[in-house]
Amino acid sequence: MANGTVPESATPMLTPPGVSGDLIRKMAPKNIEITPRTIAREKIAPRAAEIDKTAEFPWDVVEAFRENELFGVLYDEEYGGIGESSLMALVVIEELSKVCATSGLIIAVQELGSLGSS
């Protein structure tokens, strides 16, 4: 959207058929205190146009991800992650990408490092 906000009623694009928003909320990582949707709306959306226009790397967004443990979604707890499923990682990436593709890609690329770690 032009002002960087996403309506609450927006349906996730990557949610598989037959998987409701309620199921996704029930699956939400208990270790993540602030949801990815909240981070996207409150911290990223207001800056999304600026991030795109300046093409500067959004270090403040990275810090928000660090503070809320979003970099460790797929990593097992023994490696400092929260050990969530691939579906949850996709939901996190999707929620961030709805407001800023750059921010979603930061998490997507980070999660690539977890592939084949088990």
N, C-alpha and C. Protein backbone atom coordinates (compact mmCIF):
# COMPACT_ATOMS: atom_id res chain seq x y z
N MET A 1 0.83 -1.17 0.00
CA MET A 1 0.00 0.00 0.00
C MET A 1 0.88 1.24 0.00
N ALA A 2 0.36 2.31 -0.47
CA ALA A 2 1.14 3.53 -0.63
C ALA A 2 1.70 4.06 0.68
N ASN A 3 0.95 3.98 1.75
CA ASN A 3 1.44 4.53 3.02
C ASN A 3 2.22 3.52 3.84
N GLY A 4 2.47 2.32 3.31
CA GLY A 4 3.28 1.33 3.99
C GLY A 4 2.55 0.51 5.03
N THR A 5 1.23 0.61 5.07
CA THR A 5 0.48 -0.18 6.04
C THR A 5 -0.22 -1.33 5.36
N VAL A 6 -0.48 -2.37 6.12
CA VAL A 6 -1.17 -3.55 5.61
C VAL A 6 -2.44 -3.71 6.43
N PRO A 7 -3.59 -3.85 5.77
CA PRO A 7 -4.82 -4.01 6.54
C PRO A 7 -4.80 -5.29 7.37
N GLU A 8 -5.37 -5.23 8.56
CA GLU A 8 -5.42 -6.39 9.46
C GLU A 8 -6.06 -7.59 8.78
N SER A 9 -6.99 -7.31 7.86
CA SER A 9 -7.72 -8.39 7.20
C SER A 9 -6.94 -9.03 6.05
N ALA A 10 -5.74 -8.54 5.77
CA ALA A 10 -4.96 -9.08 4.66
C ALA A 10 -4.70 -10.57 4.87
N THR A 11 -4.91 -11.34 3.83
CA THR A 11 -4.69 -12.78 3.89
C THR A 11 -3.27 -13.07 3.46
N PRO A 12 -2.52 -13.85 4.25
CA PRO A 12 -1.15 -14.18 3.86
C PRO A 12 -1.11 -14.88 2.51
N MET A 13 -0.20 -14.45 1.64
CA MET A 13 -0.10 -15.03 0.31
C MET A 13 0.42 -16.46 0.35
N LEU A 14 1.30 -16.76 1.28
CA LEU A 14 1.93 -18.07 1.29
C LEU A 14 1.23 -19.09 2.16
N THR A 15 0.14 -18.70 2.82
CA THR A 15 -0.56 -19.65 3.67
C THR A 15 -1.13 -20.75 2.81
N PRO A 16 -0.76 -22.00 3.07
CA PRO A 16 -1.24 -23.10 2.25
C PRO A 16 -2.77 -23.22 2.30
N PRO A 17 -3.38 -23.75 1.24
CA PRO A 17 -4.82 -23.94 1.25
C PRO A 17 -5.24 -24.79 2.45
N GLY A 18 -6.29 -24.38 3.11
CA GLY A 18 -6.80 -25.13 4.24
C GLY A 18 -6.14 -24.79 5.57
N VAL A 19 -5.14 -23.89 5.54
CA VAL A 19 -4.48 -23.48 6.78
C VAL A 19 -5.01 -22.10 7.13
N SER A 20 -5.70 -22.01 8.24
CA SER A 20 -6.32 -20.74 8.63
C SER A 20 -5.34 -19.87 9.39
N GLY A 21 -5.68 -18.58 9.48
CA GLY A 21 -4.88 -17.65 10.27
C GLY A 21 -4.83 -18.07 11.72
N ASP A 22 -5.92 -18.69 12.22
CA ASP A 22 -5.94 -19.15 13.60
C ASP A 22 -4.89 -20.22 13.83
N LEU A 23 -4.74 -21.12 12.87
CA LEU A 23 -3.72 -22.16 13.00
C LEU A 23 -2.34 -21.55 13.03
N ILE A 24 -2.10 -20.58 12.15
CA ILE A 24 -0.80 -19.91 12.11
C ILE A 24 -0.53 -19.25 13.45
N ARG A 25 -1.52 -18.57 14.03
CA ARG A 25 -1.32 -17.93 15.34
C ARG A 25 -1.03 -18.96 16.42
N LYS A 26 -1.69 -20.12 16.36
CA LYS A 26 -1.43 -21.18 17.35
C LYS A 26 -0.02 -21.73 17.21
N MET A 27 0.50 -21.70 15.98
CA MET A 27 1.84 -22.20 15.73
C MET A 27 2.91 -21.17 16.06
N ALA A 28 2.49 -19.95 16.33
CA ALA A 28 3.44 -18.86 16.53
C ALA A 28 4.48 -19.24 17.57
N PRO A 29 5.72 -18.91 17.29
CA PRO A 29 6.79 -19.24 18.22
C PRO A 29 6.55 -18.60 19.58
N LYS A 30 6.65 -19.37 20.61
CA LYS A 30 6.44 -18.84 21.95
C LYS A 30 7.64 -18.02 22.42
N ASN A 31 8.77 -18.22 21.78
CA ASN A 31 9.98 -17.49 22.16
C ASN A 31 10.02 -16.09 21.56
N ILE A 32 9.18 -15.83 20.58
CA ILE A 32 9.16 -14.52 19.95
C ILE A 32 8.08 -13.70 20.65
N GLU A 33 8.51 -12.69 21.40
CA GLU A 33 7.56 -11.91 22.18
C GLU A 33 6.77 -10.93 21.33
N ILE A 34 7.39 -10.35 20.35
CA ILE A 34 6.70 -9.43 19.46
C ILE A 34 6.56 -10.14 18.12
N THR A 35 5.36 -10.17 17.60
CA THR A 35 5.14 -10.91 16.36
C THR A 35 5.82 -10.22 15.18
N PRO A 36 6.18 -11.01 14.18
CA PRO A 36 6.75 -10.42 12.97
C PRO A 36 5.81 -9.39 12.34
N ARG A 37 4.51 -9.61 12.42
CA ARG A 37 3.55 -8.65 11.86
C ARG A 37 3.65 -7.31 12.59
N THR A 38 3.79 -7.36 13.91
CA THR A 38 3.92 -6.13 14.69
C THR A 38 5.20 -5.39 14.33
N ILE A 39 6.29 -6.12 14.22
CA ILE A 39 7.57 -5.52 13.85
C ILE A 39 7.43 -4.88 12.46
N ALA A 40 6.81 -5.61 11.54
CA ALA A 40 6.64 -5.09 10.18
C ALA A 40 5.85 -3.79 10.18
N ARG A 41 4.76 -3.77 10.90
CA ARG A 41 3.90 -2.59 10.89
C ARG A 41 4.48 -1.41 11.66
N GLU A 42 5.07 -1.69 12.81
CA GLU A 42 5.50 -0.59 13.68
C GLU A 42 6.91 -0.09 13.39
N LYS A 43 7.80 -0.97 12.97
CA LYS A 43 9.20 -0.56 12.79
C LYS A 43 9.62 -0.47 11.32
N ILE A 44 9.08 -1.35 10.48
CA ILE A 44 9.56 -1.40 9.10
C ILE A 44 8.69 -0.59 8.15
N ALA A 45 7.39 -0.72 8.22
CA ALA A 45 6.49 -0.03 7.29
C ALA A 45 6.75 1.48 7.22
N PRO A 46 6.94 2.15 8.36
CA PRO A 46 7.18 3.59 8.28
C PRO A 46 8.46 3.95 7.52
N ARG A 47 9.40 3.01 7.41
CA ARG A 47 10.67 3.27 6.75
C ARG A 47 10.81 2.61 5.39
N ALA A 48 9.83 1.81 5.00
CA ALA A 48 9.96 1.00 3.78
C ALA A 48 10.28 1.83 2.54
N ALA A 49 9.57 2.92 2.32
CA ALA A 49 9.82 3.75 1.13
C ALA A 49 11.23 4.34 1.17
N GLU A 50 11.66 4.77 2.34
CA GLU A 50 13.01 5.34 2.49
C GLU A 50 14.07 4.28 2.21
N ILE A 51 13.85 3.07 2.72
CA ILE A 51 14.80 1.97 2.49
C ILE A 51 14.93 1.72 0.99
N ASP A 52 13.81 1.68 0.28
CA ASP A 52 13.84 1.45 -1.17
C ASP A 52 14.48 2.62 -1.91
N LYS A 53 14.13 3.83 -1.51
CA LYS A 53 14.62 5.02 -2.22
C LYS A 53 16.13 5.20 -2.06
N THR A 54 16.62 5.03 -0.84
CA THR A 54 18.05 5.28 -0.59
C THR A 54 18.94 4.09 -0.92
N ALA A 55 18.35 2.91 -0.97
CA ALA A 55 19.10 1.67 -1.22
C ALA A 55 20.19 1.44 -0.18
N GLU A 56 20.02 2.03 0.99
CA GLU A 56 20.97 1.80 2.08
C GLU A 56 20.51 0.60 2.89
N PHE A 57 21.48 -0.15 3.39
CA PHE A 57 21.15 -1.33 4.18
C PHE A 57 20.51 -0.89 5.50
N PRO A 58 19.35 -1.44 5.86
CA PRO A 58 18.61 -1.00 7.04
C PRO A 58 19.12 -1.63 8.34
N TRP A 59 20.20 -1.12 8.87
CA TRP A 59 20.79 -1.68 10.09
C TRP A 59 19.84 -1.61 11.28
N ASP A 60 18.97 -0.60 11.31
CA ASP A 60 18.01 -0.50 12.40
C ASP A 60 17.00 -1.64 12.36
N VAL A 61 16.66 -2.07 11.16
CA VAL A 61 15.75 -3.21 11.00
C VAL A 61 16.46 -4.49 11.46
N VAL A 62 17.71 -4.64 11.10
CA VAL A 62 18.50 -5.80 11.53
C VAL A 62 18.54 -5.85 13.06
N GLU A 63 18.71 -4.71 13.69
CA GLU A 63 18.74 -4.67 15.15
C GLU A 63 17.39 -5.09 15.74
N ALA A 64 16.29 -4.68 15.11
CA ALA A 64 14.96 -5.11 15.57
C ALA A 64 14.81 -6.62 15.43
N PHE A 65 15.35 -7.19 14.37
CA PHE A 65 15.32 -8.65 14.19
C PHE A 65 16.13 -9.34 15.27
N ARG A 66 17.31 -8.79 15.57
CA ARG A 66 18.16 -9.36 16.63
C ARG A 66 17.45 -9.32 17.98
N GLU A 67 16.90 -8.17 18.31
CA GLU A 67 16.23 -7.99 19.60
C GLU A 67 15.07 -8.96 19.78
N ASN A 68 14.44 -9.36 18.69
CA ASN A 68 13.25 -10.22 18.76
C ASN A 68 13.51 -11.64 18.27
N GLU A 69 14.77 -12.01 18.16
CA GLU A 69 15.20 -13.37 17.84
C GLU A 69 14.67 -13.91 16.51
N LEU A 70 14.48 -13.03 15.55
CA LEU A 70 13.96 -13.49 14.25
C LEU A 70 15.03 -14.14 13.39
N PHE A 71 16.29 -13.94 13.71
CA PHE A 71 17.35 -14.57 12.91
C PHE A 71 17.51 -16.05 13.20
N GLY A 72 16.94 -16.54 14.27
CA GLY A 72 17.13 -17.93 14.64
C GLY A 72 15.91 -18.80 14.50
N VAL A 73 14.98 -18.42 13.64
CA VAL A 73 13.72 -19.16 13.54
C VAL A 73 13.96 -20.64 13.24
N LEU A 74 14.77 -20.96 12.27
CA LEU A 74 14.97 -22.37 11.88
C LEU A 74 16.11 -23.06 12.62
N TYR A 75 16.95 -22.30 13.29
CA TYR A 75 18.08 -22.92 13.96
C TYR A 75 17.63 -23.60 15.25
N ASP A 76 18.18 -24.77 15.52
CA ASP A 76 17.85 -25.49 16.75
C ASP A 76 18.31 -24.69 17.96
N GLU A 77 17.65 -24.92 19.08
CA GLU A 77 17.98 -24.21 20.32
C GLU A 77 19.42 -24.44 20.73
N GLU A 78 19.96 -25.62 20.47
CA GLU A 78 21.34 -25.91 20.85
C GLU A 78 22.34 -25.01 20.12
N TYR A 79 21.90 -24.39 19.01
CA TYR A 79 22.75 -23.47 18.26
C TYR A 79 22.34 -22.02 18.47
N GLY A 80 21.49 -21.77 19.45
CA GLY A 80 21.08 -20.40 19.76
C GLY A 80 19.82 -19.93 19.06
N GLY A 81 19.17 -20.83 18.34
CA GLY A 81 17.93 -20.47 17.65
C GLY A 81 16.71 -20.81 18.48
N ILE A 82 15.56 -20.78 17.82
CA ILE A 82 14.32 -21.15 18.52
C ILE A 82 13.70 -22.41 17.96
N GLY A 83 14.32 -23.00 16.94
CA GLY A 83 13.93 -24.31 16.46
C GLY A 83 12.53 -24.43 15.92
N GLU A 84 12.08 -23.46 15.15
CA GLU A 84 10.73 -23.51 14.58
C GLU A 84 10.74 -24.23 13.23
N SER A 85 9.56 -24.42 12.70
CA SER A 85 9.39 -25.14 11.43
C SER A 85 9.69 -24.24 10.23
N SER A 86 9.84 -24.89 9.08
CA SER A 86 10.02 -24.15 7.83
C SER A 86 8.79 -23.31 7.53
N LEU A 87 7.62 -23.83 7.85
CA LEU A 87 6.38 -23.07 7.63
C LEU A 87 6.41 -21.78 8.43
N MET A 88 6.84 -21.85 9.68
CA MET A 88 6.90 -20.64 10.50
C MET A 88 7.90 -19.66 9.92
N ALA A 89 9.03 -20.15 9.43
CA ALA A 89 10.02 -19.26 8.81
C ALA A 89 9.41 -18.55 7.61
N LEU A 90 8.64 -19.28 6.81
CA LEU A 90 7.98 -18.67 5.65
C LEU A 90 6.96 -17.63 6.08
N VAL A 91 6.24 -17.89 7.15
CA VAL A 91 5.26 -16.92 7.65
C VAL A 91 5.97 -15.65 8.09
N VAL A 92 7.09 -15.80 8.80
CA VAL A 92 7.87 -14.63 9.24
C VAL A 92 8.33 -13.83 8.03
N ILE A 93 8.91 -14.51 7.04
CA ILE A 93 9.40 -13.84 5.84
C ILE A 93 8.26 -13.14 5.11
N GLU A 94 7.13 -13.80 5.02
CA GLU A 94 5.97 -13.22 4.34
C GLU A 94 5.47 -11.97 5.03
N GLU A 95 5.32 -12.03 6.34
CA GLU A 95 4.82 -10.88 7.09
C GLU A 95 5.73 -9.67 6.90
N LEU A 96 7.03 -9.88 6.92
CA LEU A 96 7.98 -8.79 6.73
C LEU A 96 7.95 -8.28 5.30
N SER A 97 7.85 -9.20 4.35
CA SER A 97 7.88 -8.83 2.93
C SER A 97 6.63 -8.08 2.49
N LYS A 98 5.54 -8.24 3.21
CA LYS A 98 4.32 -7.51 2.87
C LYS A 98 4.53 -6.01 2.91
N VAL A 99 5.41 -5.55 3.80
CA VAL A 99 5.64 -4.12 3.92
C VAL A 99 6.97 -3.68 3.32
N CYS A 100 7.94 -4.62 3.21
CA CYS A 100 9.26 -4.25 2.69
C CYS A 100 9.98 -5.51 2.21
N ALA A 101 10.12 -5.65 0.92
CA ALA A 101 10.77 -6.85 0.36
C ALA A 101 12.21 -6.98 0.86
N THR A 102 12.90 -5.87 1.00
CA THR A 102 14.28 -5.91 1.49
C THR A 102 14.35 -6.56 2.86
N SER A 103 13.45 -6.18 3.74
CA SER A 103 13.46 -6.74 5.10
C SER A 103 13.15 -8.23 5.10
N GLY A 104 12.22 -8.65 4.26
CA GLY A 104 11.93 -10.08 4.15
C GLY A 104 13.12 -10.86 3.63
N LEU A 105 13.83 -10.26 2.68
CA LEU A 105 15.00 -10.94 2.12
C LEU A 105 16.13 -11.08 3.14
N ILE A 106 16.24 -10.14 4.05
CA ILE A 106 17.29 -10.24 5.07
C ILE A 106 17.09 -11.53 5.87
N ILE A 107 15.86 -11.78 6.27
CA ILE A 107 15.57 -13.00 7.03
C ILE A 107 15.68 -14.24 6.13
N ALA A 108 15.18 -14.14 4.90
CA ALA A 108 15.22 -15.29 3.99
C ALA A 108 16.65 -15.75 3.76
N VAL A 109 17.55 -14.82 3.51
CA VAL A 109 18.95 -15.17 3.26
C VAL A 109 19.58 -15.76 4.53
N GLN A 110 19.27 -15.17 5.67
CA GLN A 110 19.79 -15.71 6.94
C GLN A 110 19.34 -17.14 7.14
N GLU A 111 18.08 -17.44 6.85
CA GLU A 111 17.55 -18.78 7.06
C GLU A 111 18.16 -19.81 6.12
N LEU A 112 18.70 -19.36 4.98
CA LEU A 112 19.36 -20.29 4.06
C LEU A 112 20.51 -21.02 4.77
N GLY A 113 21.15 -20.35 5.72
CA GLY A 113 22.26 -20.94 6.44
C GLY A 113 21.85 -22.13 7.31
N SER A 114 20.58 -22.24 7.59
CA SER A 114 20.12 -23.35 8.44
C SER A 114 19.83 -24.61 7.63
N LEU A 115 19.77 -24.49 6.33
CA LEU A 115 19.45 -25.66 5.51
C LEU A 115 20.57 -26.69 5.59
N GLY A 116 20.19 -27.89 5.84
CA GLY A 116 21.17 -28.98 5.92
C GLY A 116 21.93 -29.01 7.23
N SER A 117 21.48 -28.23 8.22
CA SER A 117 22.21 -28.21 9.49
C SER A 117 21.87 -29.38 10.39
N SER A 118 20.82 -30.12 10.04
CA SER A 118 20.47 -31.27 10.92
C SER A 118 20.91 -32.57 10.31
